[in-house]
Amino acid sequence: MHLTRSLELKIFLFLTVISPALAAQLPPVFGPEYDSIARPDELTRVFISPVRVMWDSDDTDTLIQNTGVLLEPGISQSSMSRQTRFCRMRTLENDTASILLDYGKELHGGLQLVMGSSSRREPSLVRIRFGESVGEANSETYNSDWLMGYSTDDHAKRDIVMEIPRDGLIEVGNTGFRFVRIDLLQPGTLIQLKEARAILRYRDIPYLGSFRSSDPRLDSIWLTGAYTTHLNMQEYLWDGIKRDRLVWLGDFHPEMAAISAVFGNNKVIPNSLDLACEQYPLPAWMNNMSSYSFWYLIIQYDWYMQNGDRDFLEKHRDYMLGLIDQIDGKINEDGTETFGGFKFLDWPSTPNKAGVEAGYRALLTWALRDAAKLADILGEPEARATCQAAIDRLARQHKPHNDLKQAAALMAVAGLMEPSNASREVIAVDGPQRFSTFYGLYMLEALTLAGQHETALDIASDYWGGMLDMGATTFWEHFDVDWMENSARLDELRRKA
């Protein structure tokens, strides 16, 4: 427990106290011809020792020794001194030596191994498995289809077989993880590990916002949400640090809300919006999904209202005006639309096609209303009139929420449904059941619009707090409270009965 608290303090100090590093300068030998191709790393690296050895494969304490050495602070320097203590891992002819390390918190980055000689002149073969849970660190990867819920390494390698040097150090991995399993694969081999430290790679910025209440559970939920978003603020704003390390405009909106509340005006937002427009120029939809172009307009309005950056808005003027015209051309006089067959809100809502249809139209209405406000700010009365006319046409068709919480939440936020009705009919029904990590924000917003603040707080405590109860130190892309029944925590070894 004390080690975990020490780790929390270490991360807190680096995230809130140390000022951002100055931009790196190339040595003079490179010359000015490198200026256009060299770019400093905007992120900082911190080395973190494991807080506990969760398991090793040796019941005799003879083949794996001195594991406690790995818990000590390191210096990233190998040693051949007889005074240096090492963790020794030895394999026999038919046995693999394995060790499982816990770094206490979800991290983004990799692993640094500092070696202290081995029984071989040649490099030794090891398998490194990164895991966000104990189960994942001990599991095989599954990359053969697009099913979610399996442990994959198609976006960021988490299962790596590699050679490590006899001496010196080596770094491996660029993924999201809390646990690392190391297997020594070659028979009849001894290696000595001096250090096995995680490399935390993060944007070194202060936490400007804070939250403190009478409920420590809500305080933990707030801080965990802030840290989850912080890890996703890499070179650009990612959807996730392990899977989908891309700028997704839908998921961008709740992340932007968290960044505004916690970090203020950070350049990762405008830089990511610039990149999205470069990657998906009109007439393409953002991320090739029309609903994510709707989110782009909402994001632009919220970001401007938060920061008042007129220059950035002007930079995107032509794109926004072109997008308004493109959307307007897809809405018919009778209120039907021709955006195509695939209409996406979030993955949990996808099977409810009728509900998705209602939510999609509500999201479109919300986006057009924000676009009209942007047109006002930019002094574009024709564009504003185009948005209002499109909203009026959409209103000629009414789609029911079909008992979908995502749809009802969007309808309440967009002004298409009384928040009290949306909350009573579907959102507050069965509490955190059928909530989702993405659209949960809008479900809570609808509840607060209806004045159901206590219900919103209770659901937040049960839903996001449920992940904390499962051992989470960051929030997940998807969560269902039913998963908690008869489930082990992610930081516990499962014992056979």
Protein backbone atom coordinates (compact mmCIF):
# COMPACT_ATOMS: atom_id res chain seq x y z
CA MET A 1 0.00 0.00 0.00
CA HIS A 2 2.82 2.42 0.86
CA LEU A 3 4.55 1.66 -2.44
CA THR A 4 1.36 2.38 -4.34
CA ARG A 5 0.92 5.70 -2.54
CA SER A 6 4.56 6.53 -3.27
CA LEU A 7 3.94 5.89 -6.95
CA GLU A 8 0.83 8.10 -6.88
CA LEU A 9 2.87 10.91 -5.31
CA LYS A 10 5.63 10.48 -7.88
CA ILE A 11 3.20 10.73 -10.79
CA PHE A 12 1.38 13.66 -9.15
CA LEU A 13 4.59 15.62 -8.73
CA PHE A 14 5.66 15.08 -12.30
CA LEU A 15 2.23 15.93 -13.67
CA THR A 16 1.61 19.06 -11.60
CA VAL A 17 4.87 20.60 -10.36
CA ILE A 18 7.69 20.19 -12.86
CA SER A 19 7.54 22.86 -15.57
CA PRO A 20 7.51 21.82 -19.24
CA ALA A 21 10.92 21.19 -20.75
CA LEU A 22 12.37 23.63 -23.26
CA ALA A 23 12.33 22.60 -26.89
CA ALA A 24 15.28 20.37 -27.74
CA GLN A 25 18.14 21.80 -29.77
CA LEU A 26 20.16 19.71 -32.21
CA PRO A 27 23.95 19.65 -31.73
CA PRO A 28 25.77 22.08 -34.07
CA VAL A 29 27.15 19.22 -36.17
CA PHE A 30 23.73 18.72 -37.81
CA GLY A 31 23.57 22.17 -39.36
CA PRO A 32 20.59 24.18 -40.62
CA GLU A 33 19.74 21.67 -43.33
CA TYR A 34 18.19 19.49 -40.61
CA ASP A 35 15.84 22.19 -39.33
CA SER A 36 13.01 21.17 -41.65
CA ILE A 37 13.20 17.46 -40.86
CA ALA A 38 14.03 17.48 -37.14
CA ARG A 39 11.29 18.03 -34.59
CA PRO A 40 11.64 17.99 -30.79
CA ASP A 41 9.63 15.49 -28.79
CA GLU A 42 6.82 17.36 -27.06
CA LEU A 43 6.43 14.65 -24.45
CA THR A 44 8.37 13.76 -21.33
CA ARG A 45 9.64 10.37 -20.15
CA VAL A 46 9.70 9.20 -16.54
CA PHE A 47 11.04 5.84 -15.36
CA ILE A 48 8.95 4.00 -12.74
CA SER A 49 10.00 0.86 -10.90
CA PRO A 50 7.40 -1.84 -10.29
CA VAL A 51 5.54 -1.62 -6.98
CA ARG A 52 5.27 -5.37 -6.53
CA VAL A 53 6.24 -8.71 -8.00
CA MET A 54 2.88 -10.38 -8.41
CA TRP A 55 4.09 -13.84 -9.35
CA ASP A 56 7.03 -15.87 -10.56
CA SER A 57 7.22 -19.37 -11.97
CA ASP A 58 9.70 -20.76 -9.43
CA ASP A 59 8.25 -22.43 -6.35
CA THR A 60 11.69 -23.43 -5.11
CA ASP A 61 13.24 -19.95 -4.90
CA THR A 62 16.32 -21.30 -6.61
CA LEU A 63 15.71 -20.52 -10.27
CA ILE A 64 14.38 -16.97 -9.73
CA GLN A 65 16.11 -15.03 -6.99
CA ASN A 66 16.27 -11.50 -5.57
CA THR A 67 13.09 -10.25 -7.26
CA GLY A 68 12.90 -7.45 -4.69
CA VAL A 69 15.85 -5.78 -6.44
CA LEU A 70 13.50 -4.78 -9.26
CA LEU A 71 11.35 -2.74 -6.85
CA GLU A 72 14.23 -0.40 -6.01
CA PRO A 73 14.82 2.94 -7.77
CA GLY A 74 17.03 2.58 -10.84
CA ILE A 75 19.59 4.71 -12.65
CA SER A 76 19.51 3.17 -16.18
CA GLN A 77 23.13 2.06 -15.84
CA SER A 78 24.43 -1.47 -16.15
CA SER A 79 27.12 -2.75 -13.79
CA MET A 80 29.71 -5.48 -13.61
CA SER A 81 30.56 -4.78 -9.97
CA ARG A 82 30.41 -7.68 -7.54
CA GLN A 83 28.68 -5.30 -5.13
CA THR A 84 25.67 -4.92 -7.39
CA ARG A 85 22.60 -6.99 -6.62
CA PHE A 86 20.64 -8.53 -9.49
CA CYS A 87 17.43 -10.42 -10.00
CA ARG A 88 18.56 -13.79 -11.38
CA MET A 89 16.37 -15.79 -13.77
CA ARG A 90 17.50 -19.29 -14.77
CA THR A 91 15.90 -21.84 -17.08
CA LEU A 92 16.43 -25.59 -17.08
CA GLU A 93 16.16 -27.80 -20.13
CA ASN A 94 12.37 -28.12 -19.92
CA ASP A 95 11.36 -25.05 -17.91
CA THR A 96 10.71 -21.39 -18.75
CA ALA A 97 11.48 -18.80 -16.07
CA SER A 98 8.74 -16.19 -15.82
CA ILE A 99 8.02 -13.14 -13.69
CA LEU A 100 4.97 -10.83 -13.52
CA LEU A 101 5.44 -7.20 -12.46
CA ASP A 102 2.84 -4.64 -11.35
CA TYR A 103 3.56 -0.93 -11.87
CA GLY A 104 0.58 0.19 -9.81
CA LYS A 105 -1.08 2.49 -12.35
CA GLU A 106 -2.07 2.37 -16.00
CA LEU A 107 0.80 3.86 -18.02
CA HIS A 108 1.52 4.78 -21.61
CA GLY A 109 4.98 3.89 -22.83
CA GLY A 110 7.27 0.89 -22.66
CA LEU A 111 9.80 -1.06 -20.62
CA GLN A 112 13.51 -0.51 -19.96
CA LEU A 113 15.57 -3.57 -19.04
CA VAL A 114 19.02 -2.96 -17.56
CA MET A 115 21.15 -6.09 -17.77
CA GLY A 116 23.96 -7.42 -15.64
CA SER A 117 25.53 -10.18 -17.71
CA SER A 118 24.28 -13.68 -18.49
CA SER A 119 25.49 -17.22 -19.01
CA ARG A 120 25.63 -16.68 -22.80
CA ARG A 121 27.96 -14.60 -24.92
CA GLU A 122 25.10 -14.18 -27.37
CA PRO A 123 21.85 -12.30 -26.73
CA SER A 124 19.13 -14.18 -24.89
CA LEU A 125 15.60 -14.70 -26.13
CA VAL A 126 12.73 -13.37 -24.00
CA ARG A 127 9.02 -12.82 -24.39
CA ILE A 128 7.61 -9.52 -23.10
CA ARG A 129 3.85 -9.23 -22.56
CA PHE A 130 2.25 -5.93 -21.60
CA GLY A 131 -1.18 -6.03 -19.98
CA GLU A 132 -3.77 -3.61 -18.69
CA SER A 133 -4.86 -6.44 -16.41
CA VAL A 134 -3.20 -9.46 -14.86
CA GLY A 135 -5.24 -11.66 -17.17
CA GLU A 136 -4.10 -9.80 -20.28
CA ALA A 137 -0.42 -9.94 -19.29
CA ASN A 138 -0.77 -13.72 -19.02
CA SER A 139 -2.83 -14.15 -22.20
CA GLU A 140 -2.26 -14.86 -25.86
CA THR A 141 -3.15 -12.22 -28.45
CA TYR A 142 -6.16 -12.58 -30.74
CA ASN A 143 -5.98 -10.66 -34.01
CA SER A 144 -7.99 -12.78 -36.44
CA ASP A 145 -11.16 -10.65 -36.64
CA TRP A 146 -12.66 -7.32 -35.61
CA LEU A 147 -14.47 -8.51 -32.50
CA MET A 148 -13.98 -6.19 -29.56
CA GLY A 149 -13.19 -7.51 -26.11
CA TYR A 150 -10.23 -9.64 -27.10
CA SER A 151 -6.63 -8.81 -26.28
CA THR A 152 -5.14 -7.65 -29.56
CA ASP A 153 -1.89 -6.05 -30.58
CA ASP A 154 -2.88 -4.75 -34.01
CA HIS A 155 -2.67 -1.09 -32.94
CA ALA A 156 0.14 -1.32 -30.40
CA LYS A 157 2.27 -4.43 -29.89
CA ARG A 158 1.73 -5.92 -26.45
CA ASP A 159 3.23 -9.39 -27.01
CA ILE A 160 6.84 -9.31 -28.20
CA VAL A 161 9.47 -12.04 -28.57
CA MET A 162 12.91 -10.46 -28.80
CA GLU A 163 16.60 -10.81 -28.05
CA ILE A 164 18.06 -8.88 -25.14
CA PRO A 165 21.75 -8.04 -24.76
CA ARG A 166 24.10 -9.73 -22.35
CA ASP A 167 24.99 -6.36 -20.79
CA GLY A 168 23.83 -2.77 -21.20
CA LEU A 169 20.17 -1.93 -21.56
CA ILE A 170 17.33 -2.21 -24.02
CA GLU A 171 13.96 -0.52 -24.34
CA VAL A 172 10.86 -2.10 -25.80
CA GLY A 173 7.17 -1.30 -26.20
CA ASN A 174 4.88 1.60 -26.92
CA THR A 175 1.44 0.78 -25.58
CA GLY A 176 -0.93 1.12 -22.64
CA PHE A 177 -0.25 -1.17 -19.69
CA ARG A 178 0.01 -1.67 -15.95
CA PHE A 179 1.50 -5.17 -15.82
CA VAL A 180 4.47 -6.76 -17.59
CA ARG A 181 5.29 -10.45 -17.81
CA ILE A 182 8.83 -11.48 -18.74
CA ASP A 183 9.55 -15.06 -19.90
CA LEU A 184 13.09 -16.32 -20.46
CA LEU A 185 12.64 -18.69 -23.38
CA GLN A 186 15.96 -20.42 -23.99
CA PRO A 187 16.72 -23.57 -21.96
CA GLY A 188 19.83 -23.77 -19.82
CA THR A 189 20.22 -19.99 -19.60
CA LEU A 190 20.85 -17.53 -16.78
CA ILE A 191 20.20 -13.79 -17.08
CA GLN A 192 20.65 -11.10 -14.46
CA LEU A 193 18.26 -8.17 -14.37
CA LYS A 194 19.38 -5.03 -12.59
CA GLU A 195 16.31 -2.95 -13.43
CA ALA A 196 12.97 -3.45 -15.16
CA ARG A 197 11.42 0.00 -15.13
CA ALA A 198 8.34 1.20 -16.95
CA ILE A 199 8.75 4.23 -19.21
CA LEU A 200 5.87 6.63 -18.67
CA ARG A 201 5.53 8.91 -21.70
CA TYR A 202 3.21 11.86 -21.10
CA ARG A 203 2.59 15.52 -21.79
CA ASP A 204 4.17 17.49 -18.93
CA ILE A 205 1.43 20.00 -18.12
CA PRO A 206 -0.06 21.18 -14.83
CA TYR A 207 -3.50 20.19 -13.59
CA LEU A 208 -5.13 23.64 -13.52
CA GLY A 209 -8.57 22.36 -12.56
CA SER A 210 -9.44 20.37 -9.46
CA PHE A 211 -12.44 18.76 -7.81
CA ARG A 212 -13.12 18.07 -4.16
CA SER A 213 -16.41 16.97 -2.65
CA SER A 214 -17.79 15.33 0.47
CA ASP A 215 -17.64 11.96 -1.33
CA PRO A 216 -14.11 10.52 -1.76
CA ARG A 217 -15.47 8.08 -4.35
CA LEU A 218 -16.58 10.94 -6.61
CA ASP A 219 -13.21 12.63 -6.06
CA SER A 220 -11.46 9.46 -7.25
CA ILE A 221 -13.76 9.23 -10.27
CA TRP A 222 -12.91 12.82 -11.25
CA LEU A 223 -9.15 12.33 -10.90
CA THR A 224 -9.22 9.01 -12.75
CA GLY A 225 -11.12 10.64 -15.60
CA ALA A 226 -8.61 13.48 -15.73
CA TYR A 227 -5.67 11.05 -15.78
CA THR A 228 -7.31 8.89 -18.45
CA THR A 229 -7.65 11.93 -20.69
CA HIS A 230 -4.10 13.05 -19.88
CA LEU A 231 -2.64 9.76 -21.10
CA ASN A 232 -4.50 10.20 -24.42
CA MET A 233 -2.90 13.63 -24.97
CA GLN A 234 0.02 12.31 -26.96
CA GLU A 235 1.33 14.07 -30.10
CA TYR A 236 -2.35 14.33 -30.96
CA LEU A 237 -5.51 13.57 -29.01
CA TRP A 238 -6.00 9.82 -29.24
CA ASP A 239 -9.07 7.70 -28.72
CA GLY A 240 -6.99 5.28 -26.64
CA ILE A 241 -3.38 4.60 -25.72
CA LYS A 242 -3.48 0.93 -26.71
CA ARG A 243 -6.33 0.41 -29.19
CA ASP A 244 -7.34 3.00 -31.81
CA ARG A 245 -4.45 5.38 -31.34
CA LEU A 246 -6.11 7.81 -33.73
CA VAL A 247 -7.96 11.14 -33.70
CA TRP A 248 -11.64 10.13 -33.63
CA LEU A 249 -13.87 13.20 -33.74
CA GLY A 250 -16.77 11.68 -31.77
CA ASP A 251 -14.72 10.53 -28.81
CA PHE A 252 -12.87 13.85 -29.12
CA HIS A 253 -15.80 15.82 -27.66
CA PRO A 254 -15.90 14.38 -24.11
CA GLU A 255 -12.09 14.42 -24.07
CA MET A 256 -12.14 18.11 -25.03
CA ALA A 257 -14.59 18.79 -22.21
CA ALA A 258 -12.24 17.11 -19.73
CA ILE A 259 -9.19 18.95 -21.11
CA SER A 260 -10.98 22.30 -20.82
CA ALA A 261 -11.90 21.59 -17.19
CA VAL A 262 -8.54 20.15 -16.14
CA PHE A 263 -5.81 21.58 -18.39
CA GLY A 264 -7.37 24.66 -19.98
CA ASN A 265 -6.31 25.82 -23.42
CA ASN A 266 -3.96 23.12 -24.68
CA LYS A 267 -2.62 23.01 -28.22
CA VAL A 268 -3.36 19.30 -28.59
CA ILE A 269 -6.97 20.31 -29.38
CA PRO A 270 -6.36 22.73 -32.30
CA ASN A 271 -3.49 20.61 -33.60
CA SER A 272 -5.73 17.54 -33.69
CA LEU A 273 -8.56 19.43 -35.41
CA ASP A 274 -6.08 20.68 -38.02
CA LEU A 275 -4.88 17.12 -38.58
CA ALA A 276 -8.44 15.79 -38.91
CA CYS A 277 -9.22 18.33 -41.65
CA GLU A 278 -6.02 17.39 -43.47
CA GLN A 279 -6.77 13.68 -43.26
CA TYR A 280 -10.45 13.99 -44.25
CA PRO A 281 -10.81 16.94 -46.66
CA LEU A 282 -14.30 17.68 -47.96
CA PRO A 283 -16.34 16.02 -49.31
CA ALA A 284 -15.10 13.18 -47.07
CA TRP A 285 -16.74 12.84 -43.67
CA MET A 286 -14.58 12.96 -40.57
CA ASN A 287 -13.29 9.43 -39.91
CA ASN A 288 -15.45 8.46 -42.92
CA MET A 289 -18.57 8.74 -40.72
CA SER A 290 -21.08 11.55 -41.19
CA SER A 291 -21.96 11.67 -37.48
CA TYR A 292 -18.33 12.46 -36.66
CA SER A 293 -18.49 15.50 -38.94
CA PHE A 294 -21.48 16.61 -36.85
CA TRP A 295 -19.27 16.30 -33.78
CA TYR A 296 -16.64 18.46 -35.50
CA LEU A 297 -19.06 21.41 -35.61
CA ILE A 298 -20.06 20.91 -31.97
CA ILE A 299 -16.39 20.74 -30.95
CA GLN A 300 -15.53 23.91 -32.85
CA TYR A 301 -18.32 25.84 -31.13
CA ASP A 302 -17.53 24.56 -27.63
CA TRP A 303 -13.80 25.18 -28.07
CA TYR A 304 -14.40 28.75 -29.24
CA MET A 305 -16.79 29.47 -26.37
CA GLN A 306 -14.19 28.10 -23.96
CA ASN A 307 -11.17 29.98 -25.32
CA GLY A 308 -12.35 32.70 -27.71
CA ASP A 309 -9.64 31.91 -30.25
CA ARG A 310 -10.96 33.85 -33.26
CA ASP A 311 -7.82 33.21 -35.32
CA PHE A 312 -8.31 29.46 -35.10
CA LEU A 313 -11.97 29.81 -36.05
CA GLU A 314 -10.99 31.89 -39.07
CA LYS A 315 -8.48 29.25 -40.07
CA HIS A 316 -11.31 26.70 -40.29
CA ARG A 317 -13.86 29.09 -41.84
CA ASP A 318 -13.81 27.60 -45.34
CA TYR A 319 -13.98 24.04 -44.05
CA MET A 320 -16.94 24.80 -41.75
CA LEU A 321 -18.88 26.68 -44.42
CA GLY A 322 -18.26 23.90 -46.91
CA LEU A 323 -19.38 21.30 -44.37
CA ILE A 324 -22.59 23.25 -43.65
CA ASP A 325 -23.44 23.27 -47.36
CA GLN A 326 -22.61 19.58 -47.67
CA ILE A 327 -24.88 18.66 -44.76
CA ASP A 328 -27.66 20.91 -46.02
CA GLY A 329 -27.62 19.12 -49.38
CA LYS A 330 -28.38 15.80 -47.67
CA ILE A 331 -31.63 16.93 -45.98
CA ASN A 332 -34.80 16.68 -48.05
CA GLU A 333 -37.82 19.00 -47.93
CA ASP A 334 -39.93 16.39 -46.13
CA GLY A 335 -37.34 16.03 -43.34
CA THR A 336 -35.84 12.77 -44.54
CA GLU A 337 -32.12 12.66 -45.23
CA THR A 338 -29.66 10.89 -47.52
CA PHE A 339 -26.53 10.52 -45.43
CA GLY A 340 -26.24 6.82 -46.19
CA GLY A 341 -26.85 3.55 -44.41
CA PHE A 342 -24.21 3.52 -41.65
CA LYS A 343 -25.27 5.83 -38.83
CA PHE A 344 -23.08 5.61 -35.78
CA LEU A 345 -23.44 6.85 -32.22
CA ASP A 346 -21.33 4.43 -30.17
CA TRP A 347 -20.73 0.69 -30.26
CA PRO A 348 -23.15 -0.36 -27.46
CA SER A 349 -26.07 1.41 -29.17
CA THR A 350 -25.44 -0.04 -32.64
CA PRO A 351 -27.86 -3.03 -32.45
CA ASN A 352 -30.79 -0.69 -31.71
CA LYS A 353 -31.15 0.68 -35.25
CA ALA A 354 -34.39 2.60 -34.64
CA GLY A 355 -32.91 4.23 -31.54
CA VAL A 356 -29.70 5.07 -33.39
CA GLU A 357 -31.77 6.74 -36.13
CA ALA A 358 -33.45 8.99 -33.54
CA GLY A 359 -30.17 9.79 -31.80
CA TYR A 360 -28.43 10.48 -35.11
CA ARG A 361 -31.05 13.05 -36.11
CA ALA A 362 -30.83 14.67 -32.66
CA LEU A 363 -27.04 14.88 -32.98
CA LEU A 364 -27.48 16.46 -36.43
CA THR A 365 -29.89 19.04 -35.02
CA TRP A 366 -27.48 19.86 -32.20
CA ALA A 367 -24.62 20.26 -34.69
CA LEU A 368 -26.64 22.54 -36.98
CA ARG A 369 -27.65 24.75 -34.05
CA ASP A 370 -24.00 25.15 -33.06
CA ALA A 371 -23.06 25.69 -36.69
CA ALA A 372 -25.63 28.52 -36.89
CA LYS A 373 -23.99 30.17 -33.88
CA LEU A 374 -20.57 29.78 -35.50
CA ALA A 375 -21.92 31.41 -38.66
CA ASP A 376 -23.12 34.34 -36.54
CA ILE A 377 -19.68 34.70 -34.97
CA LEU A 378 -18.02 34.60 -38.40
CA GLY A 379 -20.46 37.12 -39.86
CA GLU A 380 -21.97 34.65 -42.34
CA PRO A 381 -25.74 35.32 -42.39
CA GLU A 382 -26.35 33.07 -45.41
CA ALA A 383 -24.72 30.12 -43.68
CA ARG A 384 -26.76 30.82 -40.57
CA ALA A 385 -29.95 30.83 -42.61
CA THR A 386 -28.90 27.57 -44.27
CA CYS A 387 -28.48 25.92 -40.86
CA GLN A 388 -31.86 27.15 -39.61
CA ALA A 389 -33.65 26.01 -42.75
CA ALA A 390 -32.08 22.56 -42.43
CA ILE A 391 -33.19 22.36 -38.78
CA ASP A 392 -36.73 23.30 -39.77
CA ARG A 393 -36.82 20.57 -42.43
CA LEU A 394 -35.50 17.95 -40.01
CA ALA A 395 -38.31 18.84 -37.57
CA ARG A 396 -40.88 17.57 -40.08
CA GLN A 397 -39.86 14.02 -39.22
CA HIS A 398 -39.99 12.76 -35.62
CA LYS A 399 -38.25 9.52 -34.61
CA PRO A 400 -38.86 7.89 -31.19
CA HIS A 401 -35.91 7.01 -28.96
CA ASN A 402 -36.91 3.32 -28.96
CA ASP A 403 -35.81 2.91 -25.35
CA LEU A 404 -32.19 3.78 -26.21
CA LYS A 405 -30.50 5.88 -23.53
CA GLN A 406 -28.03 7.35 -26.00
CA ALA A 407 -30.86 8.58 -28.24
CA ALA A 408 -32.95 10.01 -25.41
CA ALA A 409 -29.91 11.84 -24.03
CA LEU A 410 -29.13 13.45 -27.38
CA MET A 411 -32.78 14.40 -27.90
CA ALA A 412 -32.82 16.11 -24.50
CA VAL A 413 -29.53 17.95 -25.09
CA ALA A 414 -30.62 19.02 -28.60
CA GLY A 415 -33.95 20.35 -27.35
CA LEU A 416 -36.07 17.78 -29.19
CA MET A 417 -37.43 16.21 -26.01
CA GLU A 418 -38.17 17.47 -22.54
CA PRO A 419 -35.25 16.34 -20.34
CA SER A 420 -37.69 15.30 -17.60
CA ASN A 421 -39.50 13.00 -20.04
CA ALA A 422 -36.25 11.59 -21.43
CA SER A 423 -35.01 10.88 -17.91
CA ARG A 424 -38.26 9.38 -16.65
CA GLU A 425 -38.94 7.24 -19.73
CA VAL A 426 -35.49 5.74 -20.29
CA ILE A 427 -32.29 7.38 -18.97
CA ALA A 428 -32.97 7.00 -15.23
CA VAL A 429 -34.63 3.61 -15.67
CA ASP A 430 -32.51 0.79 -14.14
CA GLY A 431 -29.78 3.21 -13.08
CA PRO A 432 -26.33 2.48 -14.59
CA GLN A 433 -27.64 -0.35 -16.75
CA ARG A 434 -27.26 0.38 -20.48
CA PHE A 435 -24.92 3.30 -19.83
CA SER A 436 -21.79 3.69 -21.94
CA THR A 437 -18.43 5.35 -21.34
CA PHE A 438 -18.74 7.64 -24.39
CA TYR A 439 -22.38 8.66 -24.23
CA GLY A 440 -22.53 8.52 -20.44
CA LEU A 441 -21.57 12.20 -20.43
CA TYR A 442 -24.72 13.16 -22.34
CA MET A 443 -26.90 10.85 -20.27
CA LEU A 444 -25.69 12.60 -17.12
CA GLU A 445 -26.18 15.99 -18.78
CA ALA A 446 -29.79 15.09 -19.64
CA LEU A 447 -30.40 14.02 -16.04
CA THR A 448 -29.05 17.32 -14.72
CA LEU A 449 -31.16 19.27 -17.24
CA ALA A 450 -34.13 17.45 -15.71
CA GLY A 451 -33.02 18.48 -12.22
CA GLN A 452 -32.17 14.90 -11.25
CA HIS A 453 -28.78 15.73 -9.79
CA GLU A 454 -28.81 13.07 -7.07
CA THR A 455 -29.74 10.38 -9.61
CA ALA A 456 -26.89 11.52 -11.86
CA LEU A 457 -24.40 11.36 -8.98
CA ASP A 458 -25.62 7.93 -7.89
CA ILE A 459 -25.28 6.56 -11.43
CA ALA A 460 -21.81 8.08 -11.82
CA SER A 461 -20.80 6.45 -8.54
CA ASP A 462 -22.17 3.06 -9.60
CA TYR A 463 -20.97 3.10 -13.22
CA TRP A 464 -17.56 4.79 -13.23
CA GLY A 465 -17.03 3.77 -9.61
CA GLY A 466 -17.74 0.20 -10.69
CA MET A 467 -14.63 0.29 -12.82
CA LEU A 468 -12.64 1.49 -9.82
CA ASP A 469 -14.07 -1.41 -7.82
CA MET A 470 -12.71 -3.72 -10.52
CA GLY A 471 -9.22 -2.30 -9.96
CA ALA A 472 -9.18 0.24 -12.80
CA THR A 473 -6.76 3.16 -12.59
CA THR A 474 -8.02 4.60 -15.88
CA PHE A 475 -11.48 4.32 -17.40
CA TRP A 476 -12.21 1.85 -20.18
CA GLU A 477 -13.54 2.27 -23.69
CA HIS A 478 -16.58 0.18 -22.79
CA PHE A 479 -18.04 -1.10 -19.53
CA ASP A 480 -21.21 -2.89 -18.49
CA VAL A 481 -22.02 -3.10 -14.78
CA ASP A 482 -23.19 -6.69 -15.31
CA TRP A 483 -19.56 -7.64 -15.90
CA MET A 484 -18.88 -7.16 -12.19
CA GLU A 485 -20.86 -10.22 -11.16
CA ASN A 486 -18.57 -13.14 -10.28
CA SER A 487 -15.57 -11.33 -11.78
CA ALA A 488 -12.08 -11.00 -10.34
CA ARG A 489 -10.42 -7.61 -10.09
CA LEU A 490 -7.98 -6.81 -12.87
CA ASP A 491 -5.12 -6.62 -10.36
CA GLU A 492 -5.74 -10.06 -8.83
CA LEU A 493 -4.41 -13.44 -9.84
CA ARG A 494 -7.18 -15.92 -10.50
CA ARG A 495 -6.74 -19.05 -8.46
CA LYS A 496 -8.06 -22.41 -9.57
CA ALA A 497 -10.54 -23.98 -7.16
